[in-house]
């Protein structure tokens, strides 16, 4: 078995923190008139972050990491669709 095909807890923590930081930013950056879409995205992100912690606690790091990727993907979609007015190209695909 290869040793580089495992997801380390440090990677999960890194991306959990990164996505949580991005979530905090978008909550303050909702474009006027896009509140309904923004809240739907925020709810999805919060659910995926919750699921990521759930899987992490069970030792299922693959699913935890997958949830983090989905969560951040929702944030990036909101940024690209101009639902969130964000400029940070380190946290978002803008």
PDB file of N, CA and C in Angstrom:
ATOM      1  N   UNK A   1       0.840  -1.185   0.000  1.00  0.00           N
ATOM      2  CA  UNK A   1       0.000   0.000   0.000  1.00  0.00           C
ATOM      3  C   UNK A   1       0.881   1.242   0.000  1.00  0.00           C
ATOM      4  N   UNK A   2       0.517   2.203  -0.838  1.00  0.00           N
ATOM      5  CA  UNK A   2       1.251   3.469  -0.889  1.00  0.00           C
ATOM      6  C   UNK A   2       0.922   4.290   0.349  1.00  0.00           C
ATOM      7  N   UNK A   3       1.861   5.099   0.779  1.00  0.00           N
ATOM      8  CA  UNK A   3       1.606   5.947   1.942  1.00  0.00           C
ATOM      9  C   UNK A   3       1.099   7.322   1.549  1.00  0.00           C
ATOM     10  N   UNK A   4       1.163   7.673   0.273  1.00  0.00           N
ATOM     11  CA  UNK A   4       0.726   9.000  -0.146  1.00  0.00           C
ATOM     12  C   UNK A   4      -0.739   9.031  -0.579  1.00  0.00           C
ATOM     13  N   UNK A   5      -1.459   7.921  -0.417  1.00  0.00           N
ATOM     14  CA  UNK A   5      -2.862   7.893  -0.821  1.00  0.00           C
ATOM     15  C   UNK A   5      -3.808   8.037   0.371  1.00  0.00           C
ATOM     16  N   UNK A   6      -3.298   8.503   1.478  1.00  0.00           N
ATOM     17  CA  UNK A   6      -4.106   8.707   2.681  1.00  0.00           C
ATOM     18  C   UNK A   6      -4.273  10.198   2.939  1.00  0.00           C
ATOM     19  N   UNK A   7      -5.400  10.551   3.485  1.00  0.00           N
ATOM     20  CA  UNK A   7      -5.651  11.936   3.852  1.00  0.00           C
ATOM     21  C   UNK A   7      -5.290  12.105   5.318  1.00  0.00           C
ATOM     22  N   UNK A   8      -4.427  13.048   5.577  1.00  0.00           N
ATOM     23  CA  UNK A   8      -3.977  13.282   6.945  1.00  0.00           C
ATOM     24  C   UNK A   8      -4.907  14.257   7.643  1.00  0.00           C
ATOM     25  N   UNK A   9      -5.005  14.102   8.956  1.00  0.00           N
ATOM     26  CA  UNK A   9      -5.849  14.990   9.755  1.00  0.00           C
ATOM     27  C   UNK A   9      -5.397  16.441   9.611  1.00  0.00           C
ATOM     28  N   UNK A  10      -4.113  16.667   9.425  1.00  0.00           N
ATOM     29  CA  UNK A  10      -3.615  18.041   9.260  1.00  0.00           C
ATOM     30  C   UNK A  10      -4.193  18.685   7.999  1.00  0.00           C
ATOM     31  N   UNK A  11      -4.391  17.898   6.958  1.00  0.00           N
ATOM     32  CA  UNK A  11      -4.984  18.422   5.728  1.00  0.00           C
ATOM     33  C   UNK A  11      -6.457  18.762   5.949  1.00  0.00           C
ATOM     34  N   UNK A  12      -7.158  17.912   6.671  1.00  0.00           N
ATOM     35  CA  UNK A  12      -8.564  18.186   6.979  1.00  0.00           C
ATOM     36  C   UNK A  12      -8.672  19.456   7.809  1.00  0.00           C
ATOM     37  N   UNK A  13      -7.841  19.595   8.821  1.00  0.00           N
ATOM     38  CA  UNK A  13      -7.871  20.797   9.659  1.00  0.00           C
ATOM     39  C   UNK A  13      -7.567  22.044   8.840  1.00  0.00           C
ATOM     40  N   UNK A  14      -6.588  21.957   7.965  1.00  0.00           N
ATOM     41  CA  UNK A  14      -6.219  23.099   7.121  1.00  0.00           C
ATOM     42  C   UNK A  14      -7.402  23.554   6.275  1.00  0.00           C
ATOM     43  N   UNK A  15      -8.045  22.623   5.598  1.00  0.00           N
ATOM     44  CA  UNK A  15      -9.134  22.980   4.699  1.00  0.00           C
ATOM     45  C   UNK A  15     -10.421  23.309   5.450  1.00  0.00           C
ATOM     46  N   UNK A  16     -10.607  22.739   6.618  1.00  0.00           N
ATOM     47  CA  UNK A  16     -11.751  23.124   7.444  1.00  0.00           C
ATOM     48  C   UNK A  16     -11.603  24.590   7.850  1.00  0.00           C
ATOM     49  N   UNK A  17     -10.420  24.966   8.300  1.00  0.00           N
ATOM     50  CA  UNK A  17     -10.162  26.352   8.706  1.00  0.00           C
ATOM     51  C   UNK A  17     -10.274  27.308   7.521  1.00  0.00           C
ATOM     52  N   UNK A  18      -9.749  26.909   6.384  1.00  0.00           N
ATOM     53  CA  UNK A  18      -9.808  27.738   5.183  1.00  0.00           C
ATOM     54  C   UNK A  18     -11.259  27.979   4.752  1.00  0.00           C
ATOM     55  N   UNK A  19     -12.049  26.936   4.729  1.00  0.00           N
ATOM     56  CA  UNK A  19     -13.446  27.052   4.316  1.00  0.00           C
ATOM     57  C   UNK A  19     -14.249  27.834   5.350  1.00  0.00           C
ATOM     58  N   UNK A  20     -13.975  27.635   6.620  1.00  0.00           N
ATOM     59  CA  UNK A  20     -14.660  28.388   7.663  1.00  0.00           C
ATOM     60  C   UNK A  20     -14.351  29.878   7.550  1.00  0.00           C
ATOM     61  N   UNK A  21     -13.105  30.200   7.252  1.00  0.00           N
ATOM     62  CA  UNK A  21     -12.707  31.602   7.054  1.00  0.00           C
ATOM     63  C   UNK A  21     -13.442  32.199   5.852  1.00  0.00           C
ATOM     64  N   UNK A  22     -13.501  31.458   4.759  1.00  0.00           N
ATOM     65  CA  UNK A  22     -14.198  31.924   3.563  1.00  0.00           C
ATOM     66  C   UNK A  22     -15.691  32.100   3.839  1.00  0.00           C
ATOM     67  N   UNK A  23     -16.271  31.202   4.610  1.00  0.00           N
ATOM     68  CA  UNK A  23     -17.683  31.302   4.956  1.00  0.00           C
ATOM     69  C   UNK A  23     -17.955  32.582   5.745  1.00  0.00           C
ATOM     70  N   UNK A  24     -17.101  32.889   6.700  1.00  0.00           N
ATOM     71  CA  UNK A  24     -17.267  34.113   7.494  1.00  0.00           C
ATOM     72  C   UNK A  24     -17.220  35.347   6.596  1.00  0.00           C
ATOM     73  N   UNK A  25     -16.375  35.319   5.594  1.00  0.00           N
ATOM     74  CA  UNK A  25     -16.256  36.455   4.666  1.00  0.00           C
ATOM     75  C   UNK A  25     -17.521  36.608   3.829  1.00  0.00           C
ATOM     76  N   UNK A  26     -18.036  35.508   3.282  1.00  0.00           N
ATOM     77  CA  UNK A  26     -19.216  35.628   2.423  1.00  0.00           C
ATOM     78  C   UNK A  26     -20.441  36.073   3.198  1.00  0.00           C
ATOM     79  N   UNK A  27     -20.516  35.716   4.457  1.00  0.00           N
ATOM     80  CA  UNK A  27     -21.659  36.141   5.262  1.00  0.00           C
ATOM     81  C   UNK A  27     -21.744  37.662   5.364  1.00  0.00           C
ATOM     82  N   UNK A  28     -20.607  38.329   5.188  1.00  0.00           N
ATOM     83  CA  UNK A  28     -20.548  39.795   5.257  1.00  0.00           C
ATOM     84  C   UNK A  28     -20.519  40.418   3.864  1.00  0.00           C
ATOM     85  N   UNK A  29     -20.595  39.599   2.824  1.00  0.00           N
ATOM     86  CA  UNK A  29     -20.384  40.074   1.452  1.00  0.00           C
ATOM     87  C   UNK A  29     -21.523  39.720   0.507  1.00  0.00           C
ATOM     88  N   UNK A  30     -22.723  39.618   1.033  1.00  0.00           N
ATOM     89  CA  UNK A  30     -23.873  39.238   0.215  1.00  0.00           C
ATOM     90  C   UNK A  30     -24.290  40.434  -0.647  1.00  0.00           C
ATOM     91  N   UNK A  31     -24.413  40.181  -1.937  1.00  0.00           N
ATOM     92  CA  UNK A  31     -24.819  41.220  -2.880  1.00  0.00           C
ATOM     93  C   UNK A  31     -26.305  41.511  -2.693  1.00  0.00           C
ATOM     94  N   UNK A  32     -26.643  42.784  -2.648  1.00  0.00           N
ATOM     95  CA  UNK A  32     -28.042  43.203  -2.490  1.00  0.00           C
ATOM     96  C   UNK A  32     -28.888  42.610  -3.623  1.00  0.00           C
ATOM     97  N   UNK A  33     -30.017  42.047  -3.246  1.00  0.00           N
ATOM     98  CA  UNK A  33     -30.899  41.411  -4.211  1.00  0.00           C
ATOM     99  C   UNK A  33     -30.614  39.924  -4.393  1.00  0.00           C
ATOM    100  N   UNK A  34     -29.537  39.445  -3.796  1.00  0.00           N
ATOM    101  CA  UNK A  34     -29.152  38.027  -3.930  1.00  0.00           C
ATOM    102  C   UNK A  34     -29.236  37.301  -2.585  1.00  0.00           C
ATOM    103  N   UNK A  35     -29.964  37.864  -1.643  1.00  0.00           N
ATOM    104  CA  UNK A  35     -30.009  37.319  -0.283  1.00  0.00           C
ATOM    105  C   UNK A  35     -30.556  35.891  -0.225  1.00  0.00           C
ATOM    106  N   UNK A  36     -31.592  35.605  -0.994  1.00  0.00           N
ATOM    107  CA  UNK A  36     -32.187  34.259  -0.958  1.00  0.00           C
ATOM    108  C   UNK A  36     -31.176  33.223  -1.431  1.00  0.00           C
ATOM    109  N   UNK A  37     -30.532  33.491  -2.573  1.00  0.00           N
ATOM    110  CA  UNK A  37     -29.526  32.565  -3.093  1.00  0.00           C
ATOM    111  C   UNK A  37     -28.350  32.431  -2.122  1.00  0.00           C
ATOM    112  N   UNK A  38     -27.940  33.554  -1.557  1.00  0.00           N
ATOM    113  CA  UNK A  38     -26.807  33.536  -0.627  1.00  0.00           C
ATOM    114  C   UNK A  38     -27.102  32.676   0.586  1.00  0.00           C
ATOM    115  N   UNK A  39     -28.293  32.812   1.142  1.00  0.00           N
ATOM    116  CA  UNK A  39     -28.636  32.032   2.328  1.00  0.00           C
ATOM    117  C   UNK A  39     -28.760  30.542   2.019  1.00  0.00           C
ATOM    118  N   UNK A  40     -29.204  30.217   0.820  1.00  0.00           N
ATOM    119  CA  UNK A  40     -29.237  28.803   0.424  1.00  0.00           C
ATOM    120  C   UNK A  40     -27.826  28.236   0.346  1.00  0.00           C
ATOM    121  N   UNK A  41     -26.920  28.997  -0.246  1.00  0.00           N
ATOM    122  CA  UNK A  41     -25.525  28.544  -0.348  1.00  0.00           C
ATOM    123  C   UNK A  41     -24.909  28.429   1.037  1.00  0.00           C
ATOM    124  N   UNK A  42     -25.113  29.425   1.856  1.00  0.00           N
ATOM    125  CA  UNK A  42     -24.548  29.417   3.212  1.00  0.00           C
ATOM    126  C   UNK A  42     -25.055  28.209   3.990  1.00  0.00           C
ATOM    127  N   UNK A  43     -26.327  27.909   3.856  1.00  0.00           N
ATOM    128  CA  UNK A  43     -26.884  26.740   4.546  1.00  0.00           C
ATOM    129  C   UNK A  43     -26.224  25.449   4.071  1.00  0.00           C
ATOM    130  N   UNK A  44     -26.031  25.321   2.763  1.00  0.00           N
ATOM    131  CA  UNK A  44     -25.365  24.128   2.238  1.00  0.00           C
ATOM    132  C   UNK A  44     -23.944  24.012   2.767  1.00  0.00           C
ATOM    133  N   UNK A  45     -23.222  25.124   2.787  1.00  0.00           N
ATOM    134  CA  UNK A  45     -21.841  25.118   3.278  1.00  0.00           C
ATOM    135  C   UNK A  45     -21.807  24.711   4.745  1.00  0.00           C
ATOM    136  N   UNK A  46     -22.691  25.272   5.540  1.00  0.00           N
ATOM    137  CA  UNK A  46     -22.729  24.925   6.963  1.00  0.00           C
ATOM    138  C   UNK A  46     -23.040  23.447   7.168  1.00  0.00           C
ATOM    139  N   UNK A  47     -23.943  22.906   6.358  1.00  0.00           N
ATOM    140  CA  UNK A  47     -24.263  21.476   6.452  1.00  0.00           C
ATOM    141  C   UNK A  47     -23.059  20.610   6.081  1.00  0.00           C
ATOM    142  N   UNK A  48     -22.370  20.979   5.016  1.00  0.00           N
ATOM    143  CA  UNK A  48     -21.186  20.201   4.615  1.00  0.00           C
ATOM    144  C   UNK A  48     -20.067  20.317   5.645  1.00  0.00           C
ATOM    145  N   UNK A  49     -19.914  21.483   6.273  1.00  0.00           N
ATOM    146  CA  UNK A  49     -18.911  21.611   7.329  1.00  0.00           C
ATOM    147  C   UNK A  49     -19.270  20.731   8.526  1.00  0.00           C
ATOM    148  N   UNK A  50     -20.537  20.693   8.856  1.00  0.00           N
ATOM    149  CA  UNK A  50     -21.009  19.828   9.938  1.00  0.00           C
ATOM    150  C   UNK A  50     -20.718  18.364   9.601  1.00  0.00           C
ATOM    151  N   UNK A  51     -21.049  17.978   8.368  1.00  0.00           N
ATOM    152  CA  UNK A  51     -20.795  16.597   7.941  1.00  0.00           C
ATOM    153  C   UNK A  51     -19.304  16.273   7.953  1.00  0.00           C
ATOM    154  N   UNK A  52     -18.477  17.238   7.563  1.00  0.00           N
ATOM    155  CA  UNK A  52     -17.029  17.021   7.575  1.00  0.00           C
ATOM    156  C   UNK A  52     -16.550  16.684   8.981  1.00  0.00           C
ATOM    157  N   UNK A  53     -17.037  17.416   9.983  1.00  0.00           N
ATOM    158  CA  UNK A  53     -16.657  17.138  11.379  1.00  0.00           C
ATOM    159  C   UNK A  53     -17.196  15.781  11.819  1.00  0.00           C
ATOM    160  N   UNK A  54     -18.407  15.464  11.405  1.00  0.00           N
ATOM    161  CA  UNK A  54     -19.008  14.174  11.752  1.00  0.00           C
ATOM    162  C   UNK A  54     -18.131  13.019  11.243  1.00  0.00           C
ATOM    163  N   UNK A  55     -17.763  13.085   9.963  1.00  0.00           N
ATOM    164  CA  UNK A  55     -16.925  12.023   9.394  1.00  0.00           C
ATOM    165  C   UNK A  55     -15.535  12.001  10.012  1.00  0.00           C
ATOM    166  N   UNK A  56     -14.994  13.172  10.303  1.00  0.00           N
ATOM    167  CA  UNK A  56     -13.671  13.229  10.937  1.00  0.00           C
ATOM    168  C   UNK A  56     -13.692  12.513  12.288  1.00  0.00           C
ATOM    169  N   UNK A  57     -14.716  12.777  13.085  1.00  0.00           N
ATOM    170  CA  UNK A  57     -14.832  12.138  14.409  1.00  0.00           C
ATOM    171  C   UNK A  57     -14.941  10.626  14.303  1.00  0.00           C
ATOM    172  N   UNK A  58     -15.528  10.145  13.193  1.00  0.00           N
ATOM    173  CA  UNK A  58     -15.656   8.699  12.985  1.00  0.00           C
ATOM    174  C   UNK A  58     -14.392   8.095  12.374  1.00  0.00           C
ATOM    175  N   UNK A  59     -13.393   8.943  12.080  1.00  0.00           N
ATOM    176  CA  UNK A  59     -12.170   8.455  11.462  1.00  0.00           C
ATOM    177  C   UNK A  59     -12.281   8.276   9.966  1.00  0.00           C
ATOM    178  N   UNK A  60     -13.353   8.749   9.382  1.00  0.00           N
ATOM    179  CA  UNK A  60     -13.567   8.623   7.939  1.00  0.00           C
ATOM    180  C   UNK A  60     -13.061   9.904   7.264  1.00  0.00           C
ATOM    181  N   UNK A  61     -11.745   9.965   7.106  1.00  0.00           N
ATOM    182  CA  UNK A  61     -11.097  11.179   6.617  1.00  0.00           C
ATOM    183  C   UNK A  61     -11.370  11.433   5.131  1.00  0.00           C
ATOM    184  N   UNK A  62     -11.597  10.398   4.372  1.00  0.00           N
ATOM    185  CA  UNK A  62     -11.887  10.571   2.945  1.00  0.00           C
ATOM    186  C   UNK A  62     -13.209  11.318   2.777  1.00  0.00           C
ATOM    187  N   UNK A  63     -14.245  10.869   3.462  1.00  0.00           N
ATOM    188  CA  UNK A  63     -15.536  11.545   3.345  1.00  0.00           C
ATOM    189  C   UNK A  63     -15.498  12.934   3.979  1.00  0.00           C
ATOM    190  N   UNK A  64     -14.737  13.084   5.040  1.00  0.00           N
ATOM    191  CA  UNK A  64     -14.585  14.398   5.658  1.00  0.00           C
ATOM    192  C   UNK A  64     -13.979  15.375   4.664  1.00  0.00           C
ATOM    193  N   UNK A  65     -12.912  14.956   4.008  1.00  0.00           N
ATOM    194  CA  UNK A  65     -12.245  15.814   3.032  1.00  0.00           C
ATOM    195  C   UNK A  65     -13.159  16.098   1.835  1.00  0.00           C
ATOM    196  N   UNK A  66     -13.930  15.102   1.422  1.00  0.00           N
ATOM    197  CA  UNK A  66     -14.880  15.296   0.322  1.00  0.00           C
ATOM    198  C   UNK A  66     -15.911  16.363   0.698  1.00  0.00           C
ATOM    199  N   UNK A  67     -16.415  16.323   1.908  1.00  0.00           N
ATOM    200  CA  UNK A  67     -17.387  17.324   2.362  1.00  0.00           C
ATOM    201  C   UNK A  67     -16.786  18.721   2.333  1.00  0.00           C
ATOM    202  N   UNK A  68     -15.533  18.829   2.727  1.00  0.00           N
ATOM    203  CA  UNK A  68     -14.870  20.136   2.709  1.00  0.00           C
ATOM    204  C   UNK A  68     -14.731  20.657   1.291  1.00  0.00           C
ATOM    205  N   UNK A  69     -14.450  19.776   0.363  1.00  0.00           N
ATOM    206  CA  UNK A  69     -14.345  20.191  -1.040  1.00  0.00           C
ATOM    207  C   UNK A  69     -15.697  20.648  -1.583  1.00  0.00           C
ATOM    208  N   UNK A  70     -16.752  19.931  -1.248  1.00  0.00           N
ATOM    209  CA  UNK A  70     -18.091  20.356  -1.665  1.00  0.00           C
ATOM    210  C   UNK A  70     -18.435  21.702  -1.047  1.00  0.00           C
ATOM    211  N   UNK A  71     -18.157  21.866   0.235  1.00  0.00           N
ATOM    212  CA  UNK A  71     -18.471  23.119   0.923  1.00  0.00           C
ATOM    213  C   UNK A  71     -17.792  24.297   0.236  1.00  0.00           C
ATOM    214  N   UNK A  72     -16.515  24.144  -0.039  1.00  0.00           N
ATOM    215  CA  UNK A  72     -15.794  25.252  -0.654  1.00  0.00           C
ATOM    216  C   UNK A  72     -16.242  25.466  -2.107  1.00  0.00           C
ATOM    217  N   UNK A  73     -16.627  24.399  -2.758  1.00  0.00           N
ATOM    218  CA  UNK A  73     -17.165  24.521  -4.110  1.00  0.00           C
ATOM    219  C   UNK A  73     -18.421  25.375  -4.146  1.00  0.00           C
ATOM    220  N   UNK A  74     -19.285  25.227  -3.158  1.00  0.00           N
ATOM    221  CA  UNK A  74     -20.474  26.069  -3.067  1.00  0.00           C
ATOM    222  C   UNK A  74     -20.074  27.538  -2.923  1.00  0.00           C
ATOM    223  N   UNK A  75     -19.081  27.812  -2.096  1.00  0.00           N
ATOM    224  CA  UNK A  75     -18.629  29.194  -1.907  1.00  0.00           C
ATOM    225  C   UNK A  75     -18.065  29.760  -3.205  1.00  0.00           C
ATOM    226  N   UNK A  76     -17.272  28.970  -3.888  1.00  0.00           N
ATOM    227  CA  UNK A  76     -16.713  29.422  -5.163  1.00  0.00           C
ATOM    228  C   UNK A  76     -17.810  29.679  -6.193  1.00  0.00           C
ATOM    229  N   UNK A  77     -18.823  28.823  -6.216  1.00  0.00           N
ATOM    230  CA  UNK A  77     -19.932  29.028  -7.148  1.00  0.00           C
ATOM    231  C   UNK A  77     -20.637  30.349  -6.848  1.00  0.00           C
ATOM    232  N   UNK A  78     -20.875  30.626  -5.580  1.00  0.00           N
ATOM    233  CA  UNK A  78     -21.505  31.883  -5.198  1.00  0.00           C
ATOM    234  C   UNK A  78     -20.670  33.088  -5.576  1.00  0.00           C
ATOM    235  N   UNK A  79     -19.372  32.956  -5.455  1.00  0.00           N
ATOM    236  CA  UNK A  79     -18.468  34.050  -5.841  1.00  0.00           C
ATOM    237  C   UNK A  79     -18.504  34.247  -7.356  1.00  0.00           C
ATOM    238  N   UNK A  80     -18.437  33.171  -8.103  1.00  0.00           N
ATOM    239  CA  UNK A  80     -18.432  33.260  -9.572  1.00  0.00           C
ATOM    240  C   UNK A  80     -19.756  33.782 -10.129  1.00  0.00           C
ATOM    241  N   UNK A  81     -20.851  33.456  -9.431  1.00  0.00           N
ATOM    242  CA  UNK A  81     -22.170  33.911  -9.870  1.00  0.00           C
ATOM    243  C   UNK A  81     -22.501  35.309  -9.341  1.00  0.00           C
ATOM    244  N   UNK A  82     -21.531  35.899  -8.664  1.00  0.00           N
ATOM    245  CA  UNK A  82     -21.675  37.264  -8.123  1.00  0.00           C
ATOM    246  C   UNK A  82     -22.801  37.379  -7.103  1.00  0.00           C
ATOM    247  N   UNK A  83     -22.973  36.312  -6.334  1.00  0.00           N
ATOM    248  CA  UNK A  83     -23.902  36.331  -5.205  1.00  0.00           C
ATOM    249  C   UNK A  83     -23.195  36.927  -3.996  1.00  0.00           C
ATOM    250  N   UNK A  84     -21.887  36.723  -3.961  1.00  0.00           N
ATOM    251  CA  UNK A  84     -21.047  37.293  -2.918  1.00  0.00           C
ATOM    252  C   UNK A  84     -20.051  38.245  -3.569  1.00  0.00           C
ATOM    253  N   UNK A  85     -19.855  39.384  -2.966  1.00  0.00           N
ATOM    254  CA  UNK A  85     -18.890  40.359  -3.469  1.00  0.00           C
ATOM    255  C   UNK A  85     -17.564  40.140  -2.757  1.00  0.00           C
ATOM    256  N   UNK A  86     -16.776  39.222  -3.284  1.00  0.00           N
ATOM    257  CA  UNK A  86     -15.488  38.875  -2.685  1.00  0.00           C
ATOM    258  C   UNK A  86     -14.374  39.093  -3.707  1.00  0.00           C
ATOM    259  N   UNK A  87     -13.223  39.464  -3.207  1.00  0.00           N
ATOM    260  CA  UNK A  87     -12.092  39.762  -4.090  1.00  0.00           C
ATOM    261  C   UNK A  87     -10.869  38.865  -3.823  1.00  0.00           C
ATOM    262  N   UNK A  88     -10.859  38.173  -2.709  1.00  0.00           N
ATOM    263  CA  UNK A  88      -9.697  37.392  -2.272  1.00  0.00           C
ATOM    264  C   UNK A  88      -9.499  36.170  -3.169  1.00  0.00           C
ATOM    265  N   UNK A  89      -8.514  36.238  -4.058  1.00  0.00           N
ATOM    266  CA  UNK A  89      -8.303  35.114  -4.976  1.00  0.00           C
ATOM    267  C   UNK A  89      -7.487  33.976  -4.350  1.00  0.00           C
ATOM    268  N   UNK A  90      -7.162  34.113  -3.066  1.00  0.00           N
ATOM    269  CA  UNK A  90      -6.536  33.011  -2.342  1.00  0.00           C
ATOM    270  C   UNK A  90      -7.603  32.100  -1.717  1.00  0.00           C
ATOM    271  N   UNK A  91      -8.767  32.678  -1.440  1.00  0.00           N
ATOM    272  CA  UNK A  91      -9.846  31.914  -0.816  1.00  0.00           C
ATOM    273  C   UNK A  91     -10.953  31.532  -1.808  1.00  0.00           C
ATOM    274  N   UNK A  92     -11.059  32.288  -2.894  1.00  0.00           N
ATOM    275  CA  UNK A  92     -12.166  32.093  -3.837  1.00  0.00           C
ATOM    276  C   UNK A  92     -11.644  32.042  -5.265  1.00  0.00           C
ATOM    277  N   UNK A  93     -12.399  31.383  -6.124  1.00  0.00           N
ATOM    278  CA  UNK A  93     -12.090  31.376  -7.544  1.00  0.00           C
ATOM    279  C   UNK A  93     -12.740  32.607  -8.163  1.00  0.00           C
ATOM    280  N   UNK A  94     -12.009  33.716  -8.136  1.00  0.00           N
ATOM    281  CA  UNK A  94     -12.520  34.978  -8.691  1.00  0.00           C
ATOM    282  C   UNK A  94     -11.523  35.537  -9.678  1.00  0.00           C
TER     283      UNK A  94
END
